[in-house]
Amino acid sequence: MTAKRVSKTNVTDQWIKIGIVGKAHGLYGAFFLSGRDSELDDSVSDLRVGEKPGQGKSLRIKSRKSHNGRTIIQTQEISGRDQLDEIKGKIVWCPRDQIAVDEQEYLWDDLIGKSVIDANDQPMGVIERMNNYGASDIVELLDGRGRLSIPFVPSYFDMNFDADSNELRLVVSADVFDESWEEA
């Protein structure tokens, strides 16, 4: 299975954080979609911009292009830099159902909230967040002991998981991580 990293925060009412309104591109309101490590799927057509998607400004993508691997978006509603300045730096959300996910892929947000159990069926905690610092995806667990970060790799996790299941299984026992817990 491979990750499709569209967000590093939770799904909020089936909207997923996909980035931040970045700097302007040209004079007509186009902007870079910042905070992403991949281009935006062509399947995404609707956006909301704001701290929370339910309170955000609705936008419809007019066109998109890529420049040096970064996505540039032009919306129907924003036609100039002055309008763009009003939303610059704000969170960009898209509907969850507009993200195309193949059978062998998963979204980070689909893993958040799942329970993790070790190879001996002992509960480890709940996935609070996913990150990537360059080498691999990192699962951040939270439970009564504190916080634990585990690389999301086959050495630790059973990668043949069902994305619809409520839990992920480790292939090692919990004691492998005894020295790694941090205070929450």
N, C-alpha and C. Protein backbone atom coordinates (compact mmCIF):
# COMPACT_ATOMS: atom_id res chain seq x y z
N MET A 1 0.84 -1.18 0.00
CA MET A 1 0.00 0.00 0.00
C MET A 1 0.88 1.23 0.00
N THR A 2 0.41 2.25 -0.68
CA THR A 2 1.15 3.50 -0.70
C THR A 2 0.29 4.63 -0.17
N ALA A 3 0.95 5.61 0.42
CA ALA A 3 0.23 6.76 0.98
C ALA A 3 -0.01 7.79 -0.10
N LYS A 4 -1.15 8.38 -0.03
CA LYS A 4 -1.45 9.55 -0.83
C LYS A 4 -1.59 10.67 0.19
N ARG A 5 -0.56 11.47 0.32
CA ARG A 5 -0.52 12.47 1.38
C ARG A 5 -1.22 13.73 0.94
N VAL A 6 -2.45 13.91 1.35
CA VAL A 6 -3.16 15.12 1.00
C VAL A 6 -3.34 16.02 2.19
N SER A 7 -3.07 15.53 3.33
CA SER A 7 -3.32 16.31 4.52
C SER A 7 -2.52 15.77 5.67
N LYS A 8 -2.31 16.66 6.64
CA LYS A 8 -1.63 16.23 7.85
C LYS A 8 -2.50 16.54 9.06
N THR A 9 -3.77 16.75 8.84
CA THR A 9 -4.72 16.96 9.93
C THR A 9 -5.95 16.14 9.66
N ASN A 10 -6.85 16.14 10.61
CA ASN A 10 -8.04 15.30 10.52
C ASN A 10 -9.01 15.75 9.44
N VAL A 11 -9.85 14.81 9.06
CA VAL A 11 -10.99 15.12 8.22
C VAL A 11 -11.97 15.90 9.08
N THR A 12 -12.50 16.99 8.57
CA THR A 12 -13.48 17.79 9.28
C THR A 12 -14.75 17.81 8.45
N ASP A 13 -15.77 17.08 8.90
CA ASP A 13 -17.04 17.00 8.18
C ASP A 13 -16.82 16.62 6.72
N GLN A 14 -15.93 15.67 6.50
CA GLN A 14 -15.61 15.15 5.17
C GLN A 14 -14.91 16.16 4.26
N TRP A 15 -14.30 17.17 4.84
CA TRP A 15 -13.42 18.08 4.11
C TRP A 15 -12.00 17.80 4.60
N ILE A 16 -11.05 17.83 3.69
CA ILE A 16 -9.66 17.52 4.02
C ILE A 16 -8.80 18.75 3.75
N LYS A 17 -7.92 19.03 4.70
CA LYS A 17 -6.96 20.12 4.51
C LYS A 17 -5.96 19.69 3.45
N ILE A 18 -5.83 20.49 2.40
CA ILE A 18 -4.91 20.13 1.32
C ILE A 18 -3.75 21.10 1.18
N GLY A 19 -3.75 22.17 1.94
CA GLY A 19 -2.67 23.12 1.84
C GLY A 19 -3.05 24.48 2.39
N ILE A 20 -2.29 25.48 1.96
CA ILE A 20 -2.47 26.86 2.40
C ILE A 20 -2.37 27.75 1.17
N VAL A 21 -3.16 28.81 1.15
CA VAL A 21 -3.07 29.78 0.05
C VAL A 21 -1.70 30.44 0.15
N GLY A 22 -0.88 30.22 -0.86
CA GLY A 22 0.47 30.76 -0.88
C GLY A 22 0.55 32.06 -1.64
N LYS A 23 1.74 32.37 -2.11
CA LYS A 23 1.95 33.66 -2.78
C LYS A 23 1.24 33.70 -4.13
N ALA A 24 1.01 34.91 -4.58
CA ALA A 24 0.33 35.14 -5.86
C ALA A 24 1.22 34.67 -7.01
N HIS A 25 0.55 34.30 -8.09
CA HIS A 25 1.24 33.96 -9.33
C HIS A 25 0.58 34.81 -10.43
N GLY A 26 1.22 35.88 -10.81
CA GLY A 26 0.65 36.77 -11.81
C GLY A 26 -0.26 37.82 -11.18
N LEU A 27 -1.02 38.50 -12.05
CA LEU A 27 -1.85 39.62 -11.61
C LEU A 27 -3.32 39.29 -11.45
N TYR A 28 -3.74 38.10 -11.85
CA TYR A 28 -5.17 37.81 -11.96
C TYR A 28 -5.72 36.87 -10.89
N GLY A 29 -5.07 36.81 -9.75
CA GLY A 29 -5.62 36.07 -8.62
C GLY A 29 -5.20 34.62 -8.51
N ALA A 30 -4.36 34.15 -9.40
CA ALA A 30 -3.85 32.77 -9.27
C ALA A 30 -2.89 32.72 -8.09
N PHE A 31 -2.82 31.55 -7.44
CA PHE A 31 -1.95 31.42 -6.27
C PHE A 31 -1.31 30.04 -6.22
N PHE A 32 -0.16 30.00 -5.55
CA PHE A 32 0.50 28.73 -5.27
C PHE A 32 -0.23 28.06 -4.11
N LEU A 33 -0.44 26.76 -4.21
CA LEU A 33 -1.00 25.98 -3.11
C LEU A 33 0.18 25.49 -2.29
N SER A 34 0.44 26.13 -1.18
CA SER A 34 1.61 25.82 -0.34
C SER A 34 1.30 24.72 0.66
N GLY A 35 2.36 24.16 1.24
CA GLY A 35 2.22 23.15 2.29
C GLY A 35 1.93 21.76 1.76
N ARG A 36 2.26 21.51 0.51
CA ARG A 36 2.02 20.20 -0.10
C ARG A 36 3.34 19.63 -0.58
N ASP A 37 3.41 18.31 -0.64
CA ASP A 37 4.59 17.67 -1.20
C ASP A 37 4.26 16.95 -2.51
N SER A 38 3.06 17.20 -3.03
CA SER A 38 2.67 16.62 -4.32
C SER A 38 1.68 17.56 -4.99
N GLU A 39 1.51 17.37 -6.29
CA GLU A 39 0.56 18.20 -7.02
C GLU A 39 -0.87 17.82 -6.65
N LEU A 40 -1.79 18.74 -6.84
CA LEU A 40 -3.19 18.51 -6.53
C LEU A 40 -3.83 17.66 -7.60
N ASP A 41 -4.62 16.66 -7.17
CA ASP A 41 -5.33 15.79 -8.12
C ASP A 41 -6.23 16.60 -9.04
N ASP A 42 -6.30 16.18 -10.30
CA ASP A 42 -7.21 16.81 -11.26
C ASP A 42 -8.67 16.63 -10.87
N SER A 43 -8.96 15.65 -10.03
CA SER A 43 -10.34 15.37 -9.63
C SER A 43 -10.91 16.42 -8.68
N VAL A 44 -10.06 17.25 -8.09
CA VAL A 44 -10.52 18.27 -7.15
C VAL A 44 -11.00 19.49 -7.92
N SER A 45 -12.25 19.89 -7.67
CA SER A 45 -12.80 21.07 -8.36
C SER A 45 -13.35 22.12 -7.39
N ASP A 46 -13.69 21.70 -6.17
CA ASP A 46 -14.27 22.62 -5.19
C ASP A 46 -13.32 22.81 -4.02
N LEU A 47 -13.24 24.04 -3.54
CA LEU A 47 -12.38 24.36 -2.41
C LEU A 47 -13.14 25.20 -1.40
N ARG A 48 -12.66 25.17 -0.19
CA ARG A 48 -13.08 26.14 0.82
C ARG A 48 -11.81 26.67 1.46
N VAL A 49 -11.82 27.95 1.76
CA VAL A 49 -10.65 28.59 2.34
C VAL A 49 -11.04 29.23 3.66
N GLY A 50 -10.35 28.85 4.73
CA GLY A 50 -10.61 29.41 6.06
C GLY A 50 -10.12 28.47 7.14
N GLU A 51 -10.24 28.89 8.38
CA GLU A 51 -9.79 28.07 9.50
C GLU A 51 -10.54 26.75 9.60
N LYS A 52 -11.85 26.78 9.31
CA LYS A 52 -12.68 25.58 9.31
C LYS A 52 -13.47 25.56 8.01
N PRO A 53 -13.63 24.38 7.42
CA PRO A 53 -14.31 24.34 6.11
C PRO A 53 -15.75 24.82 6.15
N GLY A 54 -16.45 24.58 7.26
CA GLY A 54 -17.84 24.99 7.36
C GLY A 54 -18.02 26.50 7.39
N GLN A 55 -16.96 27.21 7.75
CA GLN A 55 -17.02 28.66 7.82
C GLN A 55 -16.17 29.31 6.74
N GLY A 56 -15.65 28.50 5.84
CA GLY A 56 -14.74 29.00 4.83
C GLY A 56 -15.43 29.59 3.62
N LYS A 57 -14.66 30.29 2.83
CA LYS A 57 -15.13 30.87 1.57
C LYS A 57 -15.10 29.77 0.51
N SER A 58 -16.22 29.57 -0.18
CA SER A 58 -16.31 28.55 -1.23
C SER A 58 -15.70 29.08 -2.52
N LEU A 59 -14.87 28.25 -3.13
CA LEU A 59 -14.22 28.59 -4.39
C LEU A 59 -14.34 27.42 -5.36
N ARG A 60 -14.38 27.73 -6.63
CA ARG A 60 -14.42 26.70 -7.67
C ARG A 60 -13.18 26.87 -8.54
N ILE A 61 -12.45 25.78 -8.76
CA ILE A 61 -11.23 25.84 -9.55
C ILE A 61 -11.57 26.09 -11.01
N LYS A 62 -10.99 27.14 -11.56
CA LYS A 62 -11.15 27.48 -12.97
C LYS A 62 -10.06 26.80 -13.79
N SER A 63 -8.84 26.86 -13.27
CA SER A 63 -7.72 26.18 -13.94
C SER A 63 -6.64 25.90 -12.91
N ARG A 64 -5.77 24.99 -13.28
CA ARG A 64 -4.63 24.65 -12.43
C ARG A 64 -3.47 24.31 -13.34
N LYS A 65 -2.29 24.56 -12.83
CA LYS A 65 -1.09 24.15 -13.56
C LYS A 65 0.01 23.91 -12.54
N SER A 66 1.10 23.42 -13.03
CA SER A 66 2.21 23.11 -12.16
C SER A 66 3.42 23.94 -12.58
N HIS A 67 4.16 24.41 -11.59
CA HIS A 67 5.39 25.15 -11.84
C HIS A 67 6.45 24.61 -10.89
N ASN A 68 7.46 23.97 -11.43
CA ASN A 68 8.52 23.36 -10.61
C ASN A 68 7.95 22.42 -9.54
N GLY A 69 6.94 21.63 -9.93
CA GLY A 69 6.36 20.65 -9.02
C GLY A 69 5.36 21.21 -8.02
N ARG A 70 5.07 22.50 -8.11
CA ARG A 70 4.12 23.13 -7.19
C ARG A 70 2.84 23.47 -7.95
N THR A 71 1.70 23.28 -7.29
CA THR A 71 0.41 23.54 -7.90
C THR A 71 0.07 25.02 -7.84
N ILE A 72 -0.39 25.55 -8.98
CA ILE A 72 -0.90 26.92 -9.07
C ILE A 72 -2.37 26.82 -9.41
N ILE A 73 -3.21 27.52 -8.64
CA ILE A 73 -4.66 27.45 -8.82
C ILE A 73 -5.21 28.82 -9.20
N GLN A 74 -6.11 28.82 -10.18
CA GLN A 74 -6.91 30.00 -10.52
C GLN A 74 -8.35 29.63 -10.24
N THR A 75 -9.06 30.42 -9.45
CA THR A 75 -10.46 30.13 -9.15
C THR A 75 -11.37 31.08 -9.92
N GLN A 76 -12.63 30.69 -10.05
CA GLN A 76 -13.61 31.52 -10.74
C GLN A 76 -13.91 32.79 -9.94
N GLU A 77 -13.81 32.72 -8.63
CA GLU A 77 -14.24 33.82 -7.77
C GLU A 77 -13.17 34.88 -7.53
N ILE A 78 -11.92 34.56 -7.76
CA ILE A 78 -10.84 35.51 -7.48
C ILE A 78 -10.20 35.92 -8.80
N SER A 79 -10.27 37.23 -9.09
CA SER A 79 -9.78 37.70 -10.39
C SER A 79 -8.63 38.69 -10.28
N GLY A 80 -8.19 38.98 -9.07
CA GLY A 80 -7.08 39.92 -8.93
C GLY A 80 -6.32 39.72 -7.64
N ARG A 81 -5.16 40.36 -7.58
CA ARG A 81 -4.29 40.22 -6.41
C ARG A 81 -4.92 40.79 -5.15
N ASP A 82 -5.72 41.86 -5.29
CA ASP A 82 -6.36 42.45 -4.11
C ASP A 82 -7.28 41.44 -3.43
N GLN A 83 -8.07 40.72 -4.22
CA GLN A 83 -8.96 39.70 -3.67
C GLN A 83 -8.14 38.56 -3.06
N LEU A 84 -7.04 38.22 -3.69
CA LEU A 84 -6.19 37.14 -3.20
C LEU A 84 -5.57 37.49 -1.85
N ASP A 85 -5.21 38.76 -1.67
CA ASP A 85 -4.61 39.18 -0.41
C ASP A 85 -5.52 38.90 0.79
N GLU A 86 -6.84 38.88 0.58
CA GLU A 86 -7.80 38.63 1.65
C GLU A 86 -7.73 37.18 2.18
N ILE A 87 -7.28 36.26 1.34
CA ILE A 87 -7.25 34.85 1.76
C ILE A 87 -5.84 34.27 1.87
N LYS A 88 -4.84 35.06 1.53
CA LYS A 88 -3.46 34.56 1.58
C LYS A 88 -3.12 34.06 2.98
N GLY A 89 -2.50 32.87 3.05
CA GLY A 89 -2.10 32.28 4.32
C GLY A 89 -3.18 31.46 5.00
N LYS A 90 -4.36 31.40 4.42
CA LYS A 90 -5.47 30.64 5.02
C LYS A 90 -5.45 29.19 4.55
N ILE A 91 -6.08 28.33 5.34
CA ILE A 91 -6.13 26.89 5.05
C ILE A 91 -7.05 26.64 3.86
N VAL A 92 -6.61 25.73 2.98
CA VAL A 92 -7.41 25.31 1.82
C VAL A 92 -7.92 23.90 2.07
N TRP A 93 -9.22 23.70 1.91
CA TRP A 93 -9.88 22.41 2.13
C TRP A 93 -10.52 21.96 0.83
N CYS A 94 -10.67 20.64 0.66
CA CYS A 94 -11.44 20.11 -0.47
C CYS A 94 -12.32 18.97 0.04
N PRO A 95 -13.40 18.68 -0.68
CA PRO A 95 -14.27 17.57 -0.26
C PRO A 95 -13.51 16.24 -0.34
N ARG A 96 -13.68 15.41 0.66
CA ARG A 96 -13.02 14.11 0.73
C ARG A 96 -13.33 13.27 -0.50
N ASP A 97 -14.57 13.34 -0.97
CA ASP A 97 -14.97 12.48 -2.09
C ASP A 97 -14.39 12.93 -3.44
N GLN A 98 -13.70 14.07 -3.48
CA GLN A 98 -13.06 14.50 -4.73
C GLN A 98 -11.60 14.03 -4.82
N ILE A 99 -11.11 13.37 -3.80
CA ILE A 99 -9.75 12.84 -3.84
C ILE A 99 -9.81 11.42 -4.37
N ALA A 100 -9.17 11.18 -5.49
CA ALA A 100 -9.14 9.84 -6.08
C ALA A 100 -8.12 8.98 -5.33
N VAL A 101 -8.59 7.83 -4.85
CA VAL A 101 -7.72 6.92 -4.11
C VAL A 101 -7.84 5.53 -4.73
N ASP A 102 -6.73 5.01 -5.22
CA ASP A 102 -6.72 3.66 -5.79
C ASP A 102 -6.87 2.62 -4.68
N GLU A 103 -7.16 1.40 -5.08
CA GLU A 103 -7.39 0.32 -4.12
C GLU A 103 -6.20 0.09 -3.19
N GLN A 104 -5.00 0.22 -3.69
CA GLN A 104 -3.81 -0.03 -2.87
C GLN A 104 -3.23 1.25 -2.27
N GLU A 105 -4.02 2.32 -2.24
CA GLU A 105 -3.59 3.57 -1.63
C GLU A 105 -4.48 3.89 -0.44
N TYR A 106 -4.02 4.81 0.37
CA TYR A 106 -4.80 5.29 1.50
C TYR A 106 -4.45 6.75 1.72
N LEU A 107 -5.32 7.46 2.37
CA LEU A 107 -5.05 8.83 2.76
C LEU A 107 -4.59 8.85 4.21
N TRP A 108 -3.69 9.72 4.53
CA TRP A 108 -3.27 9.85 5.92
C TRP A 108 -4.48 10.04 6.81
N ASP A 109 -5.41 10.87 6.36
CA ASP A 109 -6.58 11.17 7.18
C ASP A 109 -7.45 9.95 7.44
N ASP A 110 -7.35 8.94 6.58
CA ASP A 110 -8.11 7.70 6.81
C ASP A 110 -7.53 6.90 7.97
N LEU A 111 -6.28 7.16 8.34
CA LEU A 111 -5.63 6.42 9.43
C LEU A 111 -5.80 7.10 10.78
N ILE A 112 -6.01 8.41 10.77
CA ILE A 112 -6.15 9.15 12.02
C ILE A 112 -7.40 8.68 12.75
N GLY A 113 -7.22 8.40 14.04
CA GLY A 113 -8.33 7.92 14.87
C GLY A 113 -8.38 6.40 14.99
N LYS A 114 -7.60 5.69 14.19
CA LYS A 114 -7.58 4.23 14.29
C LYS A 114 -6.77 3.79 15.51
N SER A 115 -7.17 2.68 16.09
CA SER A 115 -6.42 2.07 17.19
C SER A 115 -5.26 1.27 16.62
N VAL A 116 -4.18 1.21 17.37
CA VAL A 116 -3.02 0.40 16.99
C VAL A 116 -2.85 -0.68 18.06
N ILE A 117 -2.71 -1.92 17.61
CA ILE A 117 -2.44 -3.04 18.52
C ILE A 117 -1.12 -3.68 18.13
N ASP A 118 -0.44 -4.26 19.11
CA ASP A 118 0.85 -4.87 18.82
C ASP A 118 0.66 -6.31 18.34
N ALA A 119 1.76 -7.00 18.09
CA ALA A 119 1.71 -8.37 17.56
C ALA A 119 1.09 -9.34 18.55
N ASN A 120 0.99 -8.95 19.83
CA ASN A 120 0.39 -9.80 20.87
C ASN A 120 -1.02 -9.35 21.23
N ASP A 121 -1.64 -8.58 20.35
CA ASP A 121 -3.00 -8.05 20.55
C ASP A 121 -3.13 -7.09 21.73
N GLN A 122 -2.04 -6.47 22.14
CA GLN A 122 -2.09 -5.48 23.22
C GLN A 122 -2.33 -4.09 22.61
N PRO A 123 -3.28 -3.33 23.16
CA PRO A 123 -3.54 -1.98 22.62
C PRO A 123 -2.34 -1.06 22.85
N MET A 124 -2.01 -0.28 21.84
CA MET A 124 -0.88 0.64 21.91
C MET A 124 -1.33 2.10 22.02
N GLY A 125 -2.47 2.42 21.47
CA GLY A 125 -2.94 3.79 21.48
C GLY A 125 -3.74 4.08 20.23
N VAL A 126 -4.04 5.34 20.03
CA VAL A 126 -4.83 5.80 18.90
C VAL A 126 -3.98 6.74 18.06
N ILE A 127 -4.08 6.62 16.75
CA ILE A 127 -3.31 7.49 15.85
C ILE A 127 -3.88 8.90 15.94
N GLU A 128 -3.04 9.80 16.41
CA GLU A 128 -3.44 11.20 16.54
C GLU A 128 -3.10 12.01 15.30
N ARG A 129 -1.97 11.66 14.67
CA ARG A 129 -1.54 12.44 13.50
C ARG A 129 -0.53 11.62 12.71
N MET A 130 -0.37 12.01 11.45
CA MET A 130 0.63 11.42 10.56
C MET A 130 1.55 12.55 10.11
N ASN A 131 2.83 12.23 9.95
CA ASN A 131 3.80 13.21 9.46
C ASN A 131 4.78 12.51 8.55
N ASN A 132 5.59 13.31 7.87
CA ASN A 132 6.69 12.78 7.09
C ASN A 132 7.82 13.79 7.17
N TYR A 133 8.95 13.34 7.68
CA TYR A 133 10.10 14.21 7.83
C TYR A 133 11.19 13.87 6.81
N GLY A 134 10.82 13.13 5.78
CA GLY A 134 11.75 12.83 4.71
C GLY A 134 12.01 11.36 4.47
N ALA A 135 12.23 10.59 5.52
CA ALA A 135 12.60 9.18 5.34
C ALA A 135 11.38 8.29 5.13
N SER A 136 10.32 8.51 5.89
CA SER A 136 9.12 7.68 5.78
C SER A 136 7.96 8.39 6.48
N ASP A 137 6.76 7.87 6.27
CA ASP A 137 5.62 8.37 7.02
C ASP A 137 5.80 7.98 8.48
N ILE A 138 5.34 8.83 9.38
CA ILE A 138 5.45 8.60 10.82
C ILE A 138 4.05 8.60 11.42
N VAL A 139 3.74 7.55 12.17
CA VAL A 139 2.48 7.45 12.91
C VAL A 139 2.73 8.03 14.30
N GLU A 140 1.90 8.96 14.72
CA GLU A 140 2.00 9.49 16.07
C GLU A 140 0.83 8.97 16.88
N LEU A 141 1.15 8.13 17.88
CA LEU A 141 0.14 7.53 18.74
C LEU A 141 0.01 8.33 20.03
N LEU A 142 -1.19 8.29 20.59
CA LEU A 142 -1.44 8.91 21.88
C LEU A 142 -2.24 7.94 22.73
N ASP A 143 -1.83 7.80 23.98
CA ASP A 143 -2.61 7.02 24.94
C ASP A 143 -2.27 7.50 26.34
N GLY A 144 -2.68 6.78 27.36
CA GLY A 144 -2.46 7.18 28.74
C GLY A 144 -0.99 7.31 29.13
N ARG A 145 -0.09 6.63 28.44
CA ARG A 145 1.34 6.71 28.75
C ARG A 145 1.98 7.96 28.16
N GLY A 146 1.38 8.50 27.11
CA GLY A 146 1.94 9.67 26.45
C GLY A 146 1.84 9.55 24.95
N ARG A 147 2.88 10.02 24.28
CA ARG A 147 2.92 10.07 22.82
C ARG A 147 4.07 9.19 22.32
N LEU A 148 3.83 8.52 21.20
CA LEU A 148 4.84 7.65 20.60
C LEU A 148 4.83 7.84 19.10
N SER A 149 6.01 8.06 18.52
CA SER A 149 6.15 8.18 17.07
C SER A 149 6.79 6.91 16.53
N ILE A 150 6.12 6.30 15.53
CA ILE A 150 6.61 5.04 14.95
C ILE A 150 6.66 5.20 13.43
N PRO A 151 7.79 4.88 12.81
CA PRO A 151 7.83 4.90 11.34
C PRO A 151 6.79 3.94 10.77
N PHE A 152 6.04 4.40 9.78
CA PHE A 152 5.00 3.59 9.17
C PHE A 152 5.63 2.77 8.04
N VAL A 153 6.35 1.73 8.45
CA VAL A 153 7.10 0.88 7.52
C VAL A 153 6.80 -0.58 7.84
N PRO A 154 7.04 -1.49 6.87
CA PRO A 154 6.75 -2.91 7.09
C PRO A 154 7.53 -3.54 8.24
N SER A 155 8.63 -2.95 8.66
CA SER A 155 9.38 -3.49 9.80
C SER A 155 8.58 -3.39 11.09
N TYR A 156 7.64 -2.46 11.15
CA TYR A 156 6.83 -2.26 12.35
C TYR A 156 5.35 -2.55 12.15
N PHE A 157 4.81 -2.22 10.97
CA PHE A 157 3.37 -2.33 10.74
C PHE A 157 3.04 -3.39 9.70
N ASP A 158 1.91 -4.05 9.90
CA ASP A 158 1.35 -4.94 8.87
C ASP A 158 0.75 -4.03 7.80
N MET A 159 1.40 -3.95 6.66
CA MET A 159 0.99 -3.03 5.60
C MET A 159 -0.16 -3.57 4.76
N ASN A 160 -0.58 -4.79 5.00
CA ASN A 160 -1.72 -5.37 4.28
C ASN A 160 -2.99 -5.16 5.09
N PHE A 161 -3.22 -3.92 5.48
CA PHE A 161 -4.38 -3.62 6.32
C PHE A 161 -5.58 -3.22 5.47
N ASP A 162 -6.73 -3.32 6.08
CA ASP A 162 -7.97 -2.89 5.47
C ASP A 162 -8.20 -1.45 5.89
N ALA A 163 -8.21 -0.53 4.93
CA ALA A 163 -8.37 0.89 5.25
C ALA A 163 -9.68 1.18 5.96
N ASP A 164 -10.67 0.30 5.82
CA ASP A 164 -11.96 0.50 6.48
C ASP A 164 -12.00 -0.05 7.90
N SER A 165 -10.98 -0.78 8.30
CA SER A 165 -10.92 -1.35 9.65
C SER A 165 -10.66 -0.23 10.66
N ASN A 166 -11.03 -0.47 11.90
CA ASN A 166 -10.82 0.52 12.96
C ASN A 166 -9.46 0.40 13.63
N GLU A 167 -8.64 -0.57 13.17
CA GLU A 167 -7.34 -0.74 13.81
C GLU A 167 -6.25 -1.10 12.81
N LEU A 168 -5.03 -0.80 13.23
CA LEU A 168 -3.82 -1.21 12.51
C LEU A 168 -3.04 -2.12 13.44
N ARG A 169 -2.33 -3.07 12.84
CA ARG A 169 -1.60 -4.06 13.63
C ARG A 169 -0.09 -3.88 13.42
N LEU A 170 0.62 -3.90 14.55
CA LEU A 170 2.08 -3.92 14.51
C LEU A 170 2.55 -5.35 14.28
N VAL A 171 3.73 -5.52 13.71
CA VAL A 171 4.31 -6.85 13.54
C VAL A 171 5.36 -7.12 14.62
N VAL A 172 5.48 -6.21 15.58
CA VAL A 172 6.39 -6.36 16.71
C VAL A 172 5.60 -6.17 18.00
N SER A 173 6.20 -6.57 19.12
CA SER A 173 5.51 -6.41 20.40
C SER A 173 5.72 -4.99 20.94
N ALA A 174 4.84 -4.59 21.82
CA ALA A 174 4.85 -3.23 22.37
C ALA A 174 6.15 -2.89 23.08
N ASP A 175 6.80 -3.90 23.68
CA ASP A 175 8.01 -3.62 24.46
C ASP A 175 9.17 -3.08 23.62
N VAL A 176 9.10 -3.24 22.31
CA VAL A 176 10.12 -2.66 21.42
C VAL A 176 10.18 -1.14 21.61
N PHE A 177 9.05 -0.54 21.99
CA PHE A 177 8.95 0.92 22.09
C PHE A 177 8.95 1.44 23.52
N ASP A 178 9.24 0.58 24.50
CA ASP A 178 9.17 0.99 25.90
C ASP A 178 9.97 2.26 26.21
N GLU A 179 11.11 2.42 25.61
CA GLU A 179 11.97 3.58 25.89
C GLU A 179 11.64 4.79 25.02
N SER A 180 10.66 4.67 24.15
CA SER A 180 10.39 5.72 23.17
C SER A 180 9.21 6.63 23.50
N TRP A 181 8.44 6.29 24.52
CA TRP A 181 7.26 7.10 24.86
C TRP A 181 7.70 8.47 25.39
N GLU A 182 6.96 9.50 25.00
CA GLU A 182 7.19 10.86 25.48
C GLU A 182 5.95 11.32 26.22
N GLU A 183 6.11 12.27 27.13
CA GLU A 183 4.95 12.83 27.81
C GLU A 183 4.09 13.59 26.81
N ALA A 184 2.77 13.45 26.97
CA ALA A 184 1.85 14.14 26.05
C ALA A 184 1.60 15.55 26.50
